[in-house]
C-alpha atoms as a PDB file:
ATOM      1  CA  MET A   1       9.740   1.396 -14.975  1.00  0.00           C
ATOM      2  CA  ASP A   2       6.695  -0.605 -14.842  1.00  0.00           C
ATOM      3  CA  GLU A   3       4.531   1.851 -14.079  1.00  0.00           C
ATOM      4  CA  ARG A   4       1.630  -0.923 -14.420  1.00  0.00           C
ATOM      5  CA  ARG A   5       2.533  -2.825 -11.262  1.00  0.00           C
ATOM      6  CA  ILE A   6       1.175  -2.259  -7.755  1.00  0.00           C
ATOM      7  CA  ALA A   7       3.366  -3.402  -4.976  1.00  0.00           C
ATOM      8  CA  LEU A   8       1.195  -4.287  -2.379  1.00  0.00           C
ATOM      9  CA  ASP A   9       1.755  -4.347   1.353  1.00  0.00           C
ATOM     10  CA  VAL A  10       0.726  -7.983   2.397  1.00  0.00           C
ATOM     11  CA  MET A  11       1.416  -7.489   6.175  1.00  0.00           C
ATOM     12  CA  GLY A  12      -0.398  -4.395   6.762  1.00  0.00           C
ATOM     13  CA  GLY A  13      -3.879  -4.047   8.256  1.00  0.00           C
ATOM     14  CA  ASP A  14      -5.770  -5.627  11.135  1.00  0.00           C
ATOM     15  CA  HIS A  15      -6.514  -8.549   9.121  1.00  0.00           C
ATOM     16  CA  ALA A  16      -3.600  -9.522   7.080  1.00  0.00           C
ATOM     17  CA  PRO A  17      -2.404 -11.015   5.334  1.00  0.00           C
ATOM     18  CA  ARG A  18      -5.255 -12.997   4.630  1.00  0.00           C
ATOM     19  CA  ALA A  19      -7.697 -10.188   3.735  1.00  0.00           C
ATOM     20  CA  ILE A  20      -5.026  -8.714   1.808  1.00  0.00           C
ATOM     21  CA  LEU A  21      -4.560 -11.994  -0.306  1.00  0.00           C
ATOM     22  CA  LYS A  22      -7.935 -12.488  -0.472  1.00  0.00           C
ATOM     23  CA  GLY A  23      -7.975  -8.941  -2.187  1.00  0.00           C
ATOM     24  CA  ALA A  24      -5.169  -9.550  -4.395  1.00  0.00           C
ATOM     25  CA  LEU A  25      -6.849 -12.753  -5.554  1.00  0.00           C
ATOM     26  CA  LYS A  26      -9.939 -11.217  -6.030  1.00  0.00           C
ATOM     27  CA  ALA A  27      -8.354  -8.474  -8.286  1.00  0.00           C
ATOM     28  CA  VAL A  28      -6.829 -10.857 -10.915  1.00  0.00           C
ATOM     29  CA  ALA A  29     -10.025 -13.318 -11.080  1.00  0.00           C
ATOM     30  CA  ASP A  30     -11.708 -13.374 -14.378  1.00  0.00           C
ATOM     31  CA  GLU A  31     -14.974 -11.686 -12.835  1.00  0.00           C
ATOM     32  CA  ALA A  32     -13.373  -8.964 -11.506  1.00  0.00           C
ATOM     33  CA  GLY A  33     -12.092  -7.796 -14.931  1.00  0.00           C
ATOM     34  CA  GLY A  34      -9.034 -10.089 -14.437  1.00  0.00           C
ATOM     35  CA  LEU A  35      -5.768  -8.299 -13.936  1.00  0.00           C
ATOM     36  CA  ASP A  36      -2.683  -9.851 -15.056  1.00  0.00           C
ATOM     37  CA  ALA A  37      -1.290 -11.411 -11.901  1.00  0.00           C
ATOM     38  CA  SER A  38       2.060 -10.045 -12.695  1.00  0.00           C
ATOM     39  CA  ARG A  39       0.839  -6.171 -12.367  1.00  0.00           C
ATOM     40  CA  ILE A  40       0.849  -7.153  -8.396  1.00  0.00           C
ATOM     41  CA  LEU A  41       3.791  -7.583  -6.398  1.00  0.00           C
ATOM     42  CA  LEU A  42       3.076  -8.957  -3.036  1.00  0.00           C
ATOM     43  CA  VAL A  43       5.408  -7.745  -0.385  1.00  0.00           C
ATOM     44  CA  GLY A  44       5.551  -9.269   2.975  1.00  0.00           C
ATOM     45  CA  ASP A  45       6.663 -12.580   4.805  1.00  0.00           C
ATOM     46  CA  ALA A  46       6.979 -14.662   1.525  1.00  0.00           C
ATOM     47  CA  THR A  47       6.447 -17.955   3.711  1.00  0.00           C
ATOM     48  CA  ARG A  48       2.924 -16.799   4.966  1.00  0.00           C
ATOM     49  CA  ILE A  49       2.103 -15.423   1.818  1.00  0.00           C
ATOM     50  CA  ARG A  50       2.796 -18.609   0.173  1.00  0.00           C
ATOM     51  CA  GLU A  51       0.831 -20.631   2.721  1.00  0.00           C
ATOM     52  CA  GLY A  52      -2.080 -17.809   2.690  1.00  0.00           C
ATOM     53  CA  LEU A  53      -2.145 -18.275  -0.933  1.00  0.00           C
ATOM     54  CA  VAL A  54      -2.484 -22.426  -0.950  1.00  0.00           C
ATOM     55  CA  GLU A  55      -5.239 -21.825   1.644  1.00  0.00           C
ATOM     56  CA  LEU A  56      -6.943 -19.699  -0.486  1.00  0.00           C
ATOM     57  CA  GLY A  57      -6.581 -21.952  -3.647  1.00  0.00           C
ATOM     58  CA  GLY A  58      -3.212 -20.993  -5.186  1.00  0.00           C
ATOM     59  CA  ASP A  59      -0.927 -18.770  -6.444  1.00  0.00           C
ATOM     60  CA  PRO A  60      -1.848 -17.534  -9.980  1.00  0.00           C
ATOM     61  CA  GLY A  61       1.421 -16.394 -10.524  1.00  0.00           C
ATOM     62  CA  PHE A  62       2.457 -13.171  -8.309  1.00  0.00           C
ATOM     63  CA  GLU A  63       5.927 -11.967  -7.884  1.00  0.00           C
ATOM     64  CA  ILE A  64       6.577 -12.115  -3.911  1.00  0.00           C
ATOM     65  CA  GLU A  65       9.392  -9.849  -2.466  1.00  0.00           C
ATOM     66  CA  HIS A  66      10.062 -11.179   1.181  1.00  0.00           C
ATOM     67  CA  ALA A  67      10.020  -8.522   3.833  1.00  0.00           C
ATOM     68  CA  GLU A  68      11.861  -9.571   7.273  1.00  0.00           C
ATOM     69  CA  GLN A  69      10.145  -7.112   9.279  1.00  0.00           C
ATOM     70  CA  VAL A  70       6.306  -5.481   9.650  1.00  0.00           C
ATOM     71  CA  ILE A  71       5.645  -2.232  11.421  1.00  0.00           C
ATOM     72  CA  GLY A  72       2.553  -2.785  13.376  1.00  0.00           C
ATOM     73  CA  MET A  73      -0.159  -0.443  13.621  1.00  0.00           C
ATOM     74  CA  ASP A  74       0.501   0.677  17.060  1.00  0.00           C
ATOM     75  CA  GLU A  75       4.061   1.701  16.639  1.00  0.00           C
ATOM     76  CA  PRO A  76       5.213   4.808  16.253  1.00  0.00           C
ATOM     77  CA  ALA A  77       5.846   5.959  12.506  1.00  0.00           C
ATOM     78  CA  ALA A  78       9.218   7.701  12.835  1.00  0.00           C
ATOM     79  CA  THR A  79      10.688   4.986  15.257  1.00  0.00           C
ATOM     80  CA  ALA A  80       9.537   2.083  13.308  1.00  0.00           C
ATOM     81  CA  LEU A  81      10.874   3.604  10.034  1.00  0.00           C
ATOM     82  CA  ARG A  82      14.208   3.935  11.392  1.00  0.00           C
ATOM     83  CA  SER A  83      14.366   0.918  13.267  1.00  0.00           C
ATOM     84  CA  LYS A  84      12.824  -1.226  10.362  1.00  0.00           C
ATOM     85  CA  PRO A  85      14.308  -0.449   7.117  1.00  0.00           C
ATOM     86  CA  ASN A  86      13.165  -3.999   5.604  1.00  0.00           C
ATOM     87  CA  SER A  87       9.744  -3.117   6.250  1.00  0.00           C
ATOM     88  CA  SER A  88       6.881  -4.539   4.028  1.00  0.00           C
ATOM     89  CA  ILE A  89       5.972  -0.606   3.996  1.00  0.00           C
ATOM     90  CA  GLY A  90       9.791   0.064   3.375  1.00  0.00           C
ATOM     91  CA  LEU A  91      10.103  -2.264   0.627  1.00  0.00           C
ATOM     92  CA  CYS A  92       7.167  -1.218  -1.420  1.00  0.00           C
ATOM     93  CA  VAL A  93       8.698   2.198  -1.220  1.00  0.00           C
ATOM     94  CA  LYS A  94      11.871   0.471  -2.480  1.00  0.00           C
ATOM     95  CA  SER A  95      10.131  -0.792  -5.273  1.00  0.00           C
ATOM     96  CA  ILE A  96       8.914   2.320  -6.813  1.00  0.00           C
ATOM     97  CA  LEU A  97      12.573   3.772  -6.211  1.00  0.00           C
ATOM     98  CA  GLU A  98      13.893   0.899  -8.228  1.00  0.00           C
ATOM     99  CA  LYS A  99      10.983   1.314 -10.835  1.00  0.00           C
ATOM    100  CA  ARG A 100       9.954  -2.164 -10.387  1.00  0.00           C
ATOM    101  CA  ALA A 101       6.248  -0.911  -9.296  1.00  0.00           C
ATOM    102  CA  GLY A 102       4.413   2.423 -10.342  1.00  0.00           C
ATOM    103  CA  ALA A 103       2.491   2.606  -7.090  1.00  0.00           C
ATOM    104  CA  LEU A 104       1.734   1.007  -3.974  1.00  0.00           C
ATOM    105  CA  VAL A 105      -1.259  -0.078  -1.440  1.00  0.00           C
ATOM    106  CA  SER A 106      -1.000  -0.480   2.116  1.00  0.00           C
ATOM    107  CA  MET A 107      -3.815  -1.021   5.037  1.00  0.00           C
ATOM    108  CA  GLY A 108      -1.024  -1.052   7.395  1.00  0.00           C
ATOM    109  CA  ASN A 109      -0.065   2.122   9.764  1.00  0.00           C
ATOM    110  CA  THR A 110      -1.101   5.005   7.971  1.00  0.00           C
ATOM    111  CA  GLY A 111       1.545   7.487   9.435  1.00  0.00           C
ATOM    112  CA  ALA A 112       4.589   4.591   8.466  1.00  0.00           C
ATOM    113  CA  VAL A 113       2.885   4.770   4.881  1.00  0.00           C
ATOM    114  CA  VAL A 114       2.979   8.367   4.629  1.00  0.00           C
ATOM    115  CA  GLY A 115       6.494   8.824   6.152  1.00  0.00           C
ATOM    116  CA  ALA A 116       8.055   6.179   4.024  1.00  0.00           C
ATOM    117  CA  SER A 117       6.280   7.406   0.996  1.00  0.00           C
ATOM    118  CA  THR A 118       7.142  11.103   1.547  1.00  0.00           C
ATOM    119  CA  LEU A 119      10.422  10.538   2.602  1.00  0.00           C
ATOM    120  CA  GLY A 120      11.305   7.962  -0.227  1.00  0.00           C
ATOM    121  CA  LEU A 121       9.354   9.425  -2.776  1.00  0.00           C
ATOM    122  CA  GLY A 122       9.009  13.082  -1.897  1.00  0.00           C
ATOM    123  CA  THR A 123       5.942  14.937  -2.985  1.00  0.00           C
ATOM    124  CA  LEU A 124       4.596  16.702  -6.133  1.00  0.00           C
ATOM    125  CA  GLU A 125       5.872  20.089  -6.808  1.00  0.00           C
ATOM    126  CA  GLY A 126       3.952  22.610  -4.595  1.00  0.00           C
ATOM    127  CA  VAL A 127       2.602  20.304  -2.467  1.00  0.00           C
ATOM    128  CA  ARG A 128       3.921  20.558   1.135  1.00  0.00           C
ATOM    129  CA  ARG A 129       1.674  17.861   2.861  1.00  0.00           C
ATOM    130  CA  PRO A 130       0.460  14.321   1.396  1.00  0.00           C
ATOM    131  CA  GLY A 131      -3.611  13.912   1.640  1.00  0.00           C
ATOM    132  CA  ILE A 132      -5.005  10.917   2.283  1.00  0.00           C
ATOM    133  CA  ALA A 133      -7.697  10.028  -0.384  1.00  0.00           C
ATOM    134  CA  VAL A 134     -10.530   7.404   0.319  1.00  0.00           C
ATOM    135  CA  THR A 135     -12.944   6.461  -2.665  1.00  0.00           C
ATOM    136  CA  LEU A 136     -16.411   5.414  -1.283  1.00  0.00           C
ATOM    137  CA  GLN A 137     -19.360   4.000  -3.382  1.00  0.00           C
ATOM    138  CA  LEU A 138     -22.190   6.467  -2.730  1.00  0.00           C
ATOM    139  CA  ALA A 139     -25.649   6.089  -4.426  1.00  0.00           C
ATOM    140  CA  ASP A 140     -23.941   3.970  -7.053  1.00  0.00           C
ATOM    141  CA  HIS A 141     -21.432   6.645  -7.858  1.00  0.00           C
ATOM    142  CA  PRO A 142     -17.739   6.590  -6.669  1.00  0.00           C
ATOM    143  CA  VAL A 143     -16.588   9.684  -4.418  1.00  0.00           C
ATOM    144  CA  THR A 144     -13.279  10.718  -3.522  1.00  0.00           C
ATOM    145  CA  LEU A 145     -12.594  12.229  -0.180  1.00  0.00           C
ATOM    146  CA  VAL A 146      -9.174  13.896   0.554  1.00  0.00           C
ATOM    147  CA  ASP A 147      -7.747  14.314   3.888  1.00  0.00           C
ATOM    148  CA  MET A 148      -9.291  11.774   5.996  1.00  0.00           C
ATOM    149  CA  GLY A 149      -8.057  12.850   9.111  1.00  0.00           C
ATOM    150  CA  ALA A 150      -4.159  12.212   8.948  1.00  0.00           C
ATOM    151  CA  ASN A 151      -4.319  16.279   9.882  1.00  0.00           C
ATOM    152  CA  ILE A 152      -6.254  17.360  12.464  1.00  0.00           C
ATOM    153  CA  ALA A 153      -5.929  21.189  11.861  1.00  0.00           C
ATOM    154  CA  PRO A 154      -5.423  21.093   7.899  1.00  0.00           C
ATOM    155  CA  ARG A 155      -4.637  24.916   6.930  1.00  0.00           C
ATOM    156  CA  PRO A 156      -6.581  26.525   3.792  1.00  0.00           C
ATOM    157  CA  GLU A 157      -3.290  26.213   1.670  1.00  0.00           C
ATOM    158  CA  HIS A 158      -3.188  22.319   2.099  1.00  0.00           C
ATOM    159  CA  LEU A 159      -6.551  21.961   1.361  1.00  0.00           C
ATOM    160  CA  LEU A 160      -5.911  23.886  -1.892  1.00  0.00           C
ATOM    161  CA  GLN A 161      -2.856  21.501  -2.507  1.00  0.00           C
ATOM    162  CA  TYR A 162      -4.653  18.444  -1.876  1.00  0.00           C
ATOM    163  CA  GLY A 163      -6.924  19.645  -4.831  1.00  0.00           C
END
């Protein structure tokens, strides 16, 4: 398994793919610590990805996996996952199952990401519901918040599992 590779859903998010590509390029820039471009697998519409990279200054050597489908931000997650098996979210999960990546990042449809990950990858032993973690920079220190509103009424046992 390439545990160091991140499958990046380039099509997910309000300003995709451009904003996501800008982030990927920033991650491999020398001033950011310079991740090797081979550590990021770009998943999405290959034509749009290549065009976007050209617009933003070029491709530093990313691997690109074409996804024929995209799950929109407003689509019901369960319906979208069933009707779009070749979505960028679904293919990110598949890349982990096939041991071509060790993690996935998506700014896309939260319900679809959580659903695809839970169905495809499962949860940790003893954890019944996944928690969504967000790290914020507060007073020059990172603070990670878990369960950022994905569950409107979490039970105490869920909060314990998140910890």
